[in-house]
Amino acid sequence: MVDAPVPFEVYGDGSTFLHGTKAALAVGDVLQPGFESNFRPGAPLRHVYVTQTLDAATWGAELAVGEGRGRIYVVEPLGELEDDPNVTDKRFPGNPTRSYRTLSGVRVVGELTGWAGHSAEQVRTMRDGLAALEARGEAVIED
C-alpha cells in the first residue's frame, strides 16, 4: 500500500514540478494559460499552477472538476515561475506547499502512477470547506 501524501513534504529531490488534474494528457502535451480552471467551470485562468509537493498535487487531482480519475503529471515549466499568491503567505507563510504559477505554460514529461489519495473523509471535509467559501462569496482565485 502506498502511503498517503504528507503535507509540505517536497517530492523527490526538490527539482520536480507536479500538476494534479483529471485531464487525460500525454507526454509532450503543453498546458497553456487561458483555459478553464480545474476547480471552477467557466473560469479561464491566466496562469498554469504547479507544485513541488505530492500532497498539493494530490489535492489538485482529487478536487478537479470533471469525470474520470485524478491524475498527477510531472511537468516542465516553459518560463518563469512565481509563488502562487492563493496559498503563499496568505494561508501558508513562506510557501511550504511549494506552489507556483506561470504565464508561460508547462510541458508534460511524465505521469505519476500508484500515488495514494487522501481519505474519503479528508476529501469530503475539503469539499465542504470549499463549498462554504463559495456560499460566502469568498472562493476567489487571485489570478
C-alpha atoms as a PDB file:
ATOM      1  CA  MET A   1       0.000   0.000   0.000  1.00  0.00           C
ATOM      2  CA  VAL A   2       1.308   3.441  -0.900  1.00  0.00           C
ATOM      3  CA  ASP A   3       1.305   5.912   1.970  1.00  0.00           C
ATOM      4  CA  ALA A   4      -0.956   8.959   1.877  1.00  0.00           C
ATOM      5  CA  PRO A   5       0.780  12.204   0.857  1.00  0.00           C
ATOM      6  CA  VAL A   6       2.475  14.189   3.610  1.00  0.00           C
ATOM      7  CA  PRO A   7       1.665  17.922   3.755  1.00  0.00           C
ATOM      8  CA  PHE A   8       4.622  20.154   2.877  1.00  0.00           C
ATOM      9  CA  GLU A   9       6.921  17.217   2.029  1.00  0.00           C
ATOM     10  CA  VAL A  10       8.845  18.033  -1.158  1.00  0.00           C
ATOM     11  CA  TYR A  11       8.569  15.347  -3.825  1.00  0.00           C
ATOM     12  CA  GLY A  12      11.804  13.699  -4.936  1.00  0.00           C
ATOM     13  CA  ASP A  13      14.964  15.773  -4.889  1.00  0.00           C
ATOM     14  CA  GLY A  14      13.123  19.110  -4.980  1.00  0.00           C
ATOM     15  CA  SER A  15      13.640  19.766  -8.671  1.00  0.00           C
ATOM     16  CA  THR A  16      10.415  18.095  -9.867  1.00  0.00           C
ATOM     17  CA  PHE A  17       7.251  20.044 -10.629  1.00  0.00           C
ATOM     18  CA  LEU A  18       3.828  18.376 -10.477  1.00  0.00           C
ATOM     19  CA  HIS A  19       0.353  19.241 -11.762  1.00  0.00           C
ATOM     20  CA  GLY A  20      -2.789  17.496 -10.492  1.00  0.00           C
ATOM     21  CA  THR A  21      -5.874  17.320 -12.716  1.00  0.00           C
ATOM     22  CA  LYS A  22      -8.493  14.976 -14.148  1.00  0.00           C
ATOM     23  CA  ALA A  23      -7.477  15.717 -17.735  1.00  0.00           C
ATOM     24  CA  ALA A  24      -6.020  12.817 -19.703  1.00  0.00           C
ATOM     25  CA  LEU A  25      -2.735  14.142 -21.080  1.00  0.00           C
ATOM     26  CA  ALA A  26       0.226  12.647 -22.917  1.00  0.00           C
ATOM     27  CA  VAL A  27       3.946  13.221 -22.655  1.00  0.00           C
ATOM     28  CA  GLY A  28       4.758  16.269 -24.763  1.00  0.00           C
ATOM     29  CA  ASP A  29       1.386  17.969 -24.247  1.00  0.00           C
ATOM     30  CA  VAL A  30       1.649  21.601 -23.179  1.00  0.00           C
ATOM     31  CA  LEU A  31      -0.729  23.097 -20.622  1.00  0.00           C
ATOM     32  CA  GLN A  32      -1.279  26.718 -21.577  1.00  0.00           C
ATOM     33  CA  PRO A  33      -2.845  29.576 -19.620  1.00  0.00           C
ATOM     34  CA  GLY A  34      -6.262  30.788 -20.743  1.00  0.00           C
ATOM     35  CA  PHE A  35      -8.149  27.543 -20.373  1.00  0.00           C
ATOM     36  CA  GLU A  36     -10.898  26.657 -17.925  1.00  0.00           C
ATOM     37  CA  SER A  37      -9.907  26.265 -14.296  1.00  0.00           C
ATOM     38  CA  ASN A  38      -9.624  22.774 -12.807  1.00  0.00           C
ATOM     39  CA  PHE A  39     -11.788  23.998  -9.957  1.00  0.00           C
ATOM     40  CA  ARG A  40     -14.331  26.457 -11.354  1.00  0.00           C
ATOM     41  CA  PRO A  41     -16.082  25.613 -14.616  1.00  0.00           C
ATOM     42  CA  GLY A  42     -16.355  28.571 -16.959  1.00  0.00           C
ATOM     43  CA  ALA A  43     -13.451  30.419 -15.351  1.00  0.00           C
ATOM     44  CA  PRO A  44     -10.415  30.596 -17.643  1.00  0.00           C
ATOM     45  CA  LEU A  45      -7.165  31.307 -15.830  1.00  0.00           C
ATOM     46  CA  ARG A  46      -4.217  33.464 -16.858  1.00  0.00           C
ATOM     47  CA  HIS A  47      -1.738  31.085 -15.215  1.00  0.00           C
ATOM     48  CA  VAL A  48      -0.899  27.396 -15.042  1.00  0.00           C
ATOM     49  CA  TYR A  49      -0.320  26.174 -11.488  1.00  0.00           C
ATOM     50  CA  VAL A  50       2.320  23.675 -10.348  1.00  0.00           C
ATOM     51  CA  THR A  51       3.734  22.392  -7.075  1.00  0.00           C
ATOM     52  CA  GLN A  52       6.755  20.546  -5.751  1.00  0.00           C
ATOM     53  CA  THR A  53       4.791  18.603  -3.124  1.00  0.00           C
ATOM     54  CA  LEU A  54       2.877  15.412  -3.785  1.00  0.00           C
ATOM     55  CA  ASP A  55       0.251  16.476  -1.243  1.00  0.00           C
ATOM     56  CA  ALA A  56      -0.678  19.660  -3.140  1.00  0.00           C
ATOM     57  CA  ALA A  57      -0.672  17.810  -6.479  1.00  0.00           C
ATOM     58  CA  THR A  58      -2.898  15.126  -4.958  1.00  0.00           C
ATOM     59  CA  TRP A  59      -5.404  17.765  -3.834  1.00  0.00           C
ATOM     60  CA  GLY A  60      -5.387  19.162  -7.376  1.00  0.00           C
ATOM     61  CA  ALA A  61      -6.102  15.731  -8.835  1.00  0.00           C
ATOM     62  CA  GLU A  62      -8.822  14.920  -6.294  1.00  0.00           C
ATOM     63  CA  LEU A  63     -10.645  18.253  -6.349  1.00  0.00           C
ATOM     64  CA  ALA A  64     -10.514  18.987 -10.076  1.00  0.00           C
ATOM     65  CA  VAL A  65     -13.899  19.177 -11.778  1.00  0.00           C
ATOM     66  CA  GLY A  66     -14.782  16.685 -14.460  1.00  0.00           C
ATOM     67  CA  GLU A  67     -15.194  12.999 -14.960  1.00  0.00           C
ATOM     68  CA  GLY A  68     -12.611  10.289 -14.601  1.00  0.00           C
ATOM     69  CA  ARG A  69      -9.834   9.628 -12.182  1.00  0.00           C
ATOM     70  CA  GLY A  70      -7.425  12.157 -10.809  1.00  0.00           C
ATOM     71  CA  ARG A  71      -4.005  12.246 -12.434  1.00  0.00           C
ATOM     72  CA  ILE A  72      -0.690  13.722 -11.401  1.00  0.00           C
ATOM     73  CA  TYR A  73       1.726  14.768 -14.110  1.00  0.00           C
ATOM     74  CA  VAL A  74       5.406  15.604 -13.904  1.00  0.00           C
ATOM     75  CA  VAL A  75       5.766  18.869 -15.794  1.00  0.00           C
ATOM     76  CA  GLU A  76       8.493  21.168 -17.045  1.00  0.00           C
ATOM     77  CA  PRO A  77       7.824  24.910 -16.720  1.00  0.00           C
ATOM     78  CA  LEU A  78       8.384  26.745 -20.020  1.00  0.00           C
ATOM     79  CA  GLY A  79       9.009  30.130 -18.424  1.00  0.00           C
ATOM     80  CA  GLU A  80       9.418  31.918 -15.137  1.00  0.00           C
ATOM     81  CA  LEU A  81       7.581  30.730 -12.050  1.00  0.00           C
ATOM     82  CA  GLU A  82       6.246  32.900  -9.276  1.00  0.00           C
ATOM     83  CA  ASP A  83       4.840  31.942  -5.894  1.00  0.00           C
ATOM     84  CA  ASP A  84       1.118  31.130  -6.025  1.00  0.00           C
ATOM     85  CA  PRO A  85      -0.481  34.040  -4.142  1.00  0.00           C
ATOM     86  CA  ASN A  86      -3.576  31.937  -3.388  1.00  0.00           C
ATOM     87  CA  VAL A  87      -1.640  29.934  -0.805  1.00  0.00           C
ATOM     88  CA  THR A  88       1.714  31.663  -0.292  1.00  0.00           C
ATOM     89  CA  ASP A  89       1.857  33.928   2.746  1.00  0.00           C
ATOM     90  CA  LYS A  90      -1.960  34.273   2.879  1.00  0.00           C
ATOM     91  CA  ARG A  91      -2.557  30.720   4.070  1.00  0.00           C
ATOM     92  CA  PHE A  92       0.920  29.239   4.409  1.00  0.00           C
ATOM     93  CA  PRO A  93       3.622  31.840   5.142  1.00  0.00           C
ATOM     94  CA  GLY A  94       6.869  31.102   3.335  1.00  0.00           C
ATOM     95  CA  ASN A  95       5.264  28.836   0.693  1.00  0.00           C
ATOM     96  CA  PRO A  96       5.739  25.431   2.387  1.00  0.00           C
ATOM     97  CA  THR A  97       3.357  23.946  -0.223  1.00  0.00           C
ATOM     98  CA  ARG A  98       5.963  24.889  -2.836  1.00  0.00           C
ATOM     99  CA  SER A  99       3.083  26.100  -5.036  1.00  0.00           C
ATOM    100  CA  TYR A 100       3.848  28.232  -8.073  1.00  0.00           C
ATOM    101  CA  ARG A 101       2.250  29.601 -11.215  1.00  0.00           C
ATOM    102  CA  THR A 102       3.433  30.636 -14.665  1.00  0.00           C
ATOM    103  CA  LEU A 103       2.134  32.651 -17.596  1.00  0.00           C
ATOM    104  CA  SER A 104       4.214  30.544 -19.990  1.00  0.00           C
ATOM    105  CA  GLY A 105       2.698  27.091 -19.663  1.00  0.00           C
ATOM    106  CA  VAL A 106       4.205  23.739 -18.757  1.00  0.00           C
ATOM    107  CA  ARG A 107       5.106  20.626 -20.764  1.00  0.00           C
ATOM    108  CA  VAL A 108       4.080  17.159 -19.580  1.00  0.00           C
ATOM    109  CA  VAL A 109       7.191  14.987 -19.208  1.00  0.00           C
ATOM    110  CA  GLY A 110       5.618  12.047 -17.373  1.00  0.00           C
ATOM    111  CA  GLU A 111       2.770  10.800 -15.208  1.00  0.00           C
ATOM    112  CA  LEU A 112       2.995   9.591 -11.616  1.00  0.00           C
ATOM    113  CA  THR A 113       1.145   6.360 -11.052  1.00  0.00           C
ATOM    114  CA  GLY A 114       0.489   4.452  -7.871  1.00  0.00           C
ATOM    115  CA  TRP A 115       0.075   7.532  -5.708  1.00  0.00           C
ATOM    116  CA  ALA A 116      -2.246   7.343  -2.714  1.00  0.00           C
ATOM    117  CA  GLY A 117      -5.019   9.851  -2.279  1.00  0.00           C
ATOM    118  CA  HIS A 118      -6.418  11.460   0.812  1.00  0.00           C
ATOM    119  CA  SER A 119      -9.068   9.607   2.783  1.00  0.00           C
ATOM    120  CA  ALA A 120     -12.695   9.951   1.687  1.00  0.00           C
ATOM    121  CA  GLU A 121     -13.330  11.892   4.917  1.00  0.00           C
ATOM    122  CA  GLN A 122     -10.491  14.339   4.175  1.00  0.00           C
ATOM    123  CA  VAL A 123     -11.768  14.923   0.643  1.00  0.00           C
ATOM    124  CA  ARG A 124     -15.339  15.408   1.889  1.00  0.00           C
ATOM    125  CA  THR A 125     -14.141  17.884   4.555  1.00  0.00           C
ATOM    126  CA  MET A 126     -12.123  19.827   1.970  1.00  0.00           C
ATOM    127  CA  ARG A 127     -15.056  19.916  -0.484  1.00  0.00           C
ATOM    128  CA  ASP A 128     -17.394  21.076   2.309  1.00  0.00           C
ATOM    129  CA  GLY A 129     -14.947  23.830   3.232  1.00  0.00           C
ATOM    130  CA  LEU A 130     -14.660  24.970  -0.377  1.00  0.00           C
ATOM    131  CA  ALA A 131     -18.461  24.945  -0.734  1.00  0.00           C
ATOM    132  CA  ALA A 132     -18.749  27.111   2.384  1.00  0.00           C
ATOM    133  CA  LEU A 133     -16.265  29.602   0.917  1.00  0.00           C
ATOM    134  CA  GLU A 134     -18.290  29.669  -2.293  1.00  0.00           C
ATOM    135  CA  ALA A 135     -21.534  30.253  -0.372  1.00  0.00           C
ATOM    136  CA  ARG A 136     -19.950  33.215   1.437  1.00  0.00           C
ATOM    137  CA  GLY A 137     -18.572  34.626  -1.814  1.00  0.00           C
ATOM    138  CA  GLU A 138     -15.004  34.036  -0.632  1.00  0.00           C
ATOM    139  CA  ALA A 139     -13.959  31.385  -3.186  1.00  0.00           C
ATOM    140  CA  VAL A 140     -11.724  33.769  -5.081  1.00  0.00           C
ATOM    141  CA  ILE A 141      -8.724  32.678  -7.097  1.00  0.00           C
ATOM    142  CA  GLU A 142      -6.234  35.530  -7.353  1.00  0.00           C
ATOM    143  CA  ASP A 143      -5.163  35.047 -10.941  1.00  0.00           C
END
